[in-house]
């Protein structure tokens, strides 16, 4: 697996992680299988036109157009508050790094990264440097939603990157999915819901995000509006209303929610919820408030 990290300098593993934006100069490409890396200088004559193959990007912040272009290419985007490349790779390997949900939209988002120390800065609004809708992570974005990570984006959504994105979820024999290497997996929160988003979080112990969504009977219900939490309540269900036990029910107390966050869920239940209009995020993180905060920051 190859990871792309926009950086402030050519200092290798000691380089500072910076936001993914069109005027990024350096890209650190790290091959996790061989633990080797190469540095792309997009200011060099052959750097700006190169097609750069990678599977995922780690950055301290990202703007909406850059994120959209990368997702169209199947790239997963991870946010980090790590200062250096070495720290970011260690966080990624731990499986605790936050992955932006695949269809998150709205303004740009940031993970903190270097702050101002190495010239990095997070954006809360769409990157003003992406002229005419063009965007890139380094390289040059051109008009009409072109985008690239290095190289040039051209008209009609063309992008300057090769490579393929990979899901970081894996299924086990008992039918549950667990997050792997990226915090949140298989996520599809929609921005088309308007200002209000209702989120249920599996929490059988009332403290942490727990696994086995189908068997869970305790859920924290968050209602959010304009990217802020307006209420948080605990929903406790009787045994017969667990999601597995109530498979044939016409109505269910969780019907009003838009999104379910859980530690694991089977494919069948995920599909059944999707048919009811409920989207699912599987996460390896355990703090409900922290996950909700990161999710809202990414929308």
Protein backbone atom coordinates (compact mmCIF):
# COMPACT_ATOMS: atom_id res chain seq x y z
CA UNK A 1 0.00 0.00 0.00
CA UNK A 2 1.29 3.45 -0.91
CA UNK A 3 0.52 6.52 1.17
CA UNK A 4 0.78 10.09 -0.13
CA UNK A 5 1.59 12.80 2.43
CA UNK A 6 1.86 16.48 1.47
CA UNK A 7 4.85 17.92 3.31
CA UNK A 8 6.54 21.28 3.83
CA UNK A 9 10.11 20.26 2.98
CA UNK A 10 12.40 17.53 1.67
CA UNK A 11 13.44 16.28 5.11
CA UNK A 12 12.14 12.73 4.68
CA UNK A 13 10.52 11.23 7.79
CA UNK A 14 11.23 14.45 9.70
CA UNK A 15 9.29 16.61 7.23
CA UNK A 16 6.25 18.46 8.50
CA UNK A 17 2.79 17.28 7.40
CA UNK A 18 0.79 20.10 5.76
CA UNK A 19 -2.71 20.56 4.31
CA UNK A 20 -3.62 19.05 0.94
CA UNK A 21 -4.05 22.09 -1.28
CA UNK A 22 -3.22 23.14 -4.84
CA UNK A 23 0.00 24.98 -4.01
CA UNK A 24 1.62 22.12 -2.11
CA UNK A 25 5.20 21.69 -3.35
CA UNK A 26 6.39 18.39 -1.88
CA UNK A 27 4.68 14.99 -1.75
CA UNK A 28 6.10 12.20 0.39
CA UNK A 29 5.14 8.82 -1.14
CA UNK A 30 5.62 5.99 1.33
CA UNK A 31 5.42 2.31 0.39
CA UNK A 32 4.24 0.47 3.52
CA UNK A 33 5.21 -2.94 2.16
CA UNK A 34 8.88 -2.07 1.63
CA UNK A 35 9.04 0.77 4.19
CA UNK A 36 10.66 2.95 1.54
CA UNK A 37 9.74 6.38 0.25
CA UNK A 38 10.33 8.85 -2.51
CA UNK A 39 9.89 12.60 -2.55
CA UNK A 40 8.11 14.36 -5.41
CA UNK A 41 9.00 18.02 -5.94
CA UNK A 42 6.12 19.46 -7.95
CA UNK A 43 8.15 22.56 -8.79
CA UNK A 44 10.58 20.50 -10.83
CA UNK A 45 9.98 20.35 -14.61
CA UNK A 46 9.02 16.67 -14.53
CA UNK A 47 7.25 16.74 -11.16
CA UNK A 48 4.14 18.69 -12.05
CA UNK A 49 3.22 16.45 -14.97
CA UNK A 50 3.91 13.10 -13.32
CA UNK A 51 1.12 10.62 -12.74
CA UNK A 52 1.52 9.58 -9.11
CA UNK A 53 0.11 6.23 -7.99
CA UNK A 54 -0.99 5.88 -4.38
CA UNK A 55 -3.84 4.35 -2.38
CA UNK A 56 -4.58 6.91 0.35
CA UNK A 57 -3.55 10.36 1.47
CA UNK A 58 -2.68 11.59 4.96
CA UNK A 59 -2.81 15.34 5.57
CA UNK A 60 -3.37 17.89 8.30
CA UNK A 61 -6.31 19.52 6.48
CA UNK A 62 -8.06 19.38 3.11
CA UNK A 63 -10.40 21.61 1.14
CA UNK A 64 -13.70 20.48 -0.35
CA UNK A 65 -12.64 20.46 -4.04
CA UNK A 66 -9.43 18.54 -3.35
CA UNK A 67 -11.32 16.00 -1.24
CA UNK A 68 -13.97 15.60 -3.95
CA UNK A 69 -11.38 15.04 -6.67
CA UNK A 70 -9.55 12.43 -4.60
CA UNK A 71 -12.75 10.57 -3.73
CA UNK A 72 -13.70 10.45 -7.42
CA UNK A 73 -10.42 8.61 -7.95
CA UNK A 74 -11.19 6.16 -5.14
CA UNK A 75 -8.58 7.57 -2.77
CA UNK A 76 -9.26 7.50 0.96
CA UNK A 77 -8.40 10.63 2.92
CA UNK A 78 -7.08 10.51 6.48
CA UNK A 79 -6.64 13.48 8.82
CA UNK A 80 -3.84 13.69 11.37
CA UNK A 81 -2.62 16.03 14.06
CA UNK A 82 0.84 14.48 13.85
CA UNK A 83 3.65 16.97 13.25
CA UNK A 84 6.02 14.84 11.18
CA UNK A 85 5.76 12.12 8.56
CA UNK A 86 7.20 9.57 10.99
CA UNK A 87 4.56 10.38 13.60
CA UNK A 88 1.77 10.29 11.01
CA UNK A 89 2.84 6.85 9.73
CA UNK A 90 2.98 5.53 13.29
CA UNK A 91 -0.54 6.81 13.95
CA UNK A 92 -1.79 5.23 10.71
CA UNK A 93 -0.22 1.88 11.65
CA UNK A 94 -1.96 1.96 15.03
CA UNK A 95 -5.37 1.99 13.34
CA UNK A 96 -6.48 5.10 15.25
CA UNK A 97 -6.21 7.67 12.46
CA UNK A 98 -9.47 9.34 11.43
CA UNK A 99 -10.66 8.71 7.89
CA UNK A 100 -12.99 11.30 6.40
CA UNK A 101 -16.30 9.60 5.48
CA UNK A 102 -16.35 8.83 1.78
CA UNK A 103 -19.14 11.25 0.83
CA UNK A 104 -18.60 13.99 3.38
CA UNK A 105 -19.20 17.39 1.81
CA UNK A 106 -19.23 21.01 2.78
CA UNK A 107 -16.20 23.12 3.61
CA UNK A 108 -12.67 21.95 4.06
CA UNK A 109 -11.59 20.28 7.27
CA UNK A 110 -8.45 20.04 9.30
CA UNK A 111 -6.78 17.72 11.71
CA UNK A 112 -4.53 20.35 13.23
CA UNK A 113 -1.27 19.10 11.80
CA UNK A 114 1.68 21.43 12.14
CA UNK A 115 -0.27 24.49 13.12
CA UNK A 116 1.83 27.41 11.99
CA UNK A 117 5.18 25.97 13.06
CA UNK A 118 6.10 24.44 9.71
CA UNK A 119 3.88 26.59 7.57
CA UNK A 120 0.89 24.22 7.66
CA UNK A 121 -2.59 25.53 8.37
CA UNK A 122 -6.10 24.05 8.42
CA UNK A 123 -8.96 25.51 6.42
CA UNK A 124 -12.55 25.75 7.60
CA UNK A 125 -13.73 26.99 4.24
CA UNK A 126 -13.27 25.95 0.66
CA UNK A 127 -9.70 26.54 -0.52
CA UNK A 128 -9.59 29.92 -2.21
CA UNK A 129 -6.61 28.88 -4.35
CA UNK A 130 -8.55 26.29 -6.33
CA UNK A 131 -9.45 28.60 -9.15
CA UNK A 132 -12.45 27.84 -11.29
CA UNK A 133 -13.14 24.62 -9.39
CA UNK A 134 -9.77 23.17 -10.35
CA UNK A 135 -7.92 21.42 -7.57
CA UNK A 136 -4.95 19.32 -6.78
CA UNK A 137 -2.83 18.06 -3.95
CA UNK A 138 0.26 19.68 -5.21
CA UNK A 139 0.54 20.15 -8.96
CA UNK A 140 -1.87 22.46 -10.68
CA UNK A 141 -5.66 22.42 -10.79
CA UNK A 142 -7.46 23.77 -13.80
CA UNK A 143 -11.05 24.78 -14.37
CA UNK A 144 -14.18 22.62 -14.58
CA UNK A 145 -13.57 20.46 -11.53
CA UNK A 146 -10.33 18.97 -12.71
CA UNK A 147 -8.19 17.72 -9.87
CA UNK A 148 -5.00 15.92 -9.19
CA UNK A 149 -2.52 14.90 -6.60
CA UNK A 150 0.50 16.03 -8.46
CA UNK A 151 0.21 16.46 -12.20
CA UNK A 152 -2.51 18.52 -13.83
CA UNK A 153 -6.27 18.20 -13.52
CA UNK A 154 -8.08 18.88 -16.78
CA UNK A 155 -11.62 19.56 -17.90
CA UNK A 156 -14.55 17.38 -16.97
CA UNK A 157 -13.16 15.96 -13.76
CA UNK A 158 -9.89 14.61 -15.14
CA UNK A 159 -7.24 13.91 -12.53
CA UNK A 160 -3.49 13.63 -12.54
CA UNK A 161 -3.14 10.49 -10.40
CA UNK A 162 -2.99 6.80 -10.95
CA UNK A 163 -3.45 4.11 -8.35
CA UNK A 164 -6.48 2.61 -6.74
CA UNK A 165 -8.17 3.14 -3.39
CA UNK A 166 -8.72 0.21 -1.04
CA UNK A 167 -11.26 -0.28 1.72
CA UNK A 168 -9.76 -0.83 5.15
CA UNK A 169 -12.58 -2.97 6.49
CA UNK A 170 -12.44 -6.71 6.58
CA UNK A 171 -15.09 -9.30 7.30
CA UNK A 172 -14.76 -12.14 9.74
CA UNK A 173 -16.39 -15.57 9.64
CA UNK A 174 -19.06 -14.53 12.11
CA UNK A 175 -20.29 -11.86 9.70
CA UNK A 176 -19.09 -8.75 11.49
CA UNK A 177 -16.94 -6.01 10.05
CA UNK A 178 -14.20 -4.30 12.00
CA UNK A 179 -12.35 -1.11 11.20
CA UNK A 180 -8.76 -1.65 10.16
CA UNK A 181 -5.99 0.88 9.81
CA UNK A 182 -8.25 3.84 9.37
CA UNK A 183 -10.71 4.46 12.18
CA UNK A 184 -13.91 4.72 10.18
CA UNK A 185 -14.85 2.41 7.37
CA UNK A 186 -17.59 1.94 4.78
CA UNK A 187 -19.10 5.28 5.68
CA UNK A 188 -21.58 7.24 3.59
CA UNK A 189 -23.02 10.20 5.51
CA UNK A 190 -24.88 12.45 3.14
CA UNK A 191 -24.79 16.22 3.02
CA UNK A 192 -28.19 16.34 1.33
CA UNK A 193 -30.14 15.94 4.57
CA UNK A 194 -30.31 19.62 5.33
CA UNK A 195 -29.18 21.15 8.59
CA UNK A 196 -30.33 18.34 10.90
CA UNK A 197 -28.58 14.98 11.25
CA UNK A 198 -29.67 12.29 13.73
CA UNK A 199 -26.92 9.85 14.67
CA UNK A 200 -27.16 6.67 16.74
CA UNK A 201 -24.05 5.20 18.38
CA UNK A 202 -23.98 1.63 19.73
CA UNK A 203 -22.98 1.80 23.40
CA UNK A 204 -24.00 -1.29 25.34
CA UNK A 205 -21.91 -0.16 28.33
CA UNK A 206 -23.25 3.42 28.08
CA UNK A 207 -19.67 4.74 27.92
CA UNK A 208 -17.91 3.53 24.78
CA UNK A 209 -18.72 2.64 21.19
CA UNK A 210 -19.36 -1.10 21.27
CA UNK A 211 -19.52 -3.88 18.67
CA UNK A 212 -22.36 -6.17 17.53
CA UNK A 213 -24.87 -3.57 16.34
CA UNK A 214 -27.54 -6.23 15.85
CA UNK A 215 -27.44 -7.32 19.49
CA UNK A 216 -26.96 -3.87 21.02
CA UNK A 217 -29.86 -2.46 23.05
CA UNK A 218 -28.33 0.80 24.24
CA UNK A 219 -27.67 3.66 21.85
CA UNK A 220 -26.55 7.23 22.32
CA UNK A 221 -28.74 9.37 20.06
CA UNK A 222 -27.18 12.62 18.88
CA UNK A 223 -29.18 15.30 17.13
CA UNK A 224 -26.99 17.78 15.30
CA UNK A 225 -27.79 20.97 13.50
CA UNK A 226 -25.46 23.20 11.50
CA UNK A 227 -22.49 20.98 12.45
CA UNK A 228 -23.19 21.32 16.19
CA UNK A 229 -24.64 18.86 18.73
CA UNK A 230 -28.00 20.12 20.01
CA UNK A 231 -28.98 17.07 22.08
CA UNK A 232 -27.62 13.73 23.30
CA UNK A 233 -29.94 11.13 24.83
CA UNK A 234 -29.65 7.45 25.75
CA UNK A 235 -32.07 5.06 24.05
CA UNK A 236 -32.51 1.72 25.83
CA UNK A 237 -34.41 -0.98 23.96
CA UNK A 238 -36.03 -4.16 25.29
CA UNK A 239 -34.57 -7.45 24.07
CA UNK A 240 -37.29 -7.94 21.49
CA UNK A 241 -36.41 -4.60 19.86
CA UNK A 242 -32.73 -5.30 19.23
CA UNK A 243 -32.01 -4.88 15.54
CA UNK A 244 -31.58 -8.62 15.04
CA UNK A 245 -34.74 -9.55 16.99
CA UNK A 246 -36.92 -6.96 15.24
CA UNK A 247 -35.91 -7.81 11.68
CA UNK A 248 -39.51 -8.09 10.49
CA UNK A 249 -40.92 -5.11 12.35
CA UNK A 250 -42.68 -2.46 10.29
CA UNK A 251 -41.48 0.33 12.57
CA UNK A 252 -38.59 0.67 15.00
CA UNK A 253 -37.42 3.32 17.50
CA UNK A 254 -34.26 3.81 15.42
CA UNK A 255 -36.19 4.59 12.23
CA UNK A 256 -35.77 8.39 12.62
CA UNK A 257 -31.97 8.24 12.57
CA UNK A 258 -29.89 9.10 9.53
CA UNK A 259 -26.63 7.43 10.52
CA UNK A 260 -25.49 4.55 12.73
CA UNK A 261 -21.97 4.44 14.17
CA UNK A 262 -20.81 1.10 15.57
CA UNK A 263 -17.80 -1.08 16.25
CA UNK A 264 -19.07 -3.89 14.02
CA UNK A 265 -22.10 -4.85 11.97
CA UNK A 266 -23.03 -7.73 9.68
CA UNK A 267 -23.57 -7.24 5.96
CA UNK A 268 -27.22 -8.28 6.16
CA UNK A 269 -28.08 -5.75 8.84
CA UNK A 270 -26.13 -3.05 7.05
CA UNK A 271 -28.15 -3.69 3.91
CA UNK A 272 -31.44 -3.72 5.83
CA UNK A 273 -30.63 -0.38 7.43
CA UNK A 274 -29.63 1.05 4.06
CA UNK A 275 -33.04 0.06 2.69
CA UNK A 276 -34.59 2.09 5.51
CA UNK A 277 -32.39 5.07 4.60
CA UNK A 278 -29.94 4.62 7.48
CA UNK A 279 -26.25 4.81 6.59
CA UNK A 280 -23.52 3.09 8.58
CA UNK A 281 -20.03 3.90 9.83
CA UNK A 282 -17.86 1.15 11.35
CA UNK A 283 -15.12 2.55 13.57
CA UNK A 284 -12.32 1.25 15.77
CA UNK A 285 -12.50 4.36 17.94
CA UNK A 286 -14.26 4.04 21.29
CA UNK A 287 -15.14 7.59 22.39
CA UNK A 288 -18.62 8.50 21.08
CA UNK A 289 -18.25 12.25 21.57
CA UNK A 290 -14.86 12.31 19.86
CA UNK A 291 -16.12 10.41 16.81
CA UNK A 292 -19.18 12.65 16.49
CA UNK A 293 -16.95 15.72 16.75
CA UNK A 294 -14.64 14.48 14.00
CA UNK A 295 -17.57 13.54 11.80
CA UNK A 296 -19.20 16.95 12.13
CA UNK A 297 -15.88 18.66 11.41
CA UNK A 298 -15.62 16.68 8.18
CA UNK A 299 -19.13 17.45 6.90
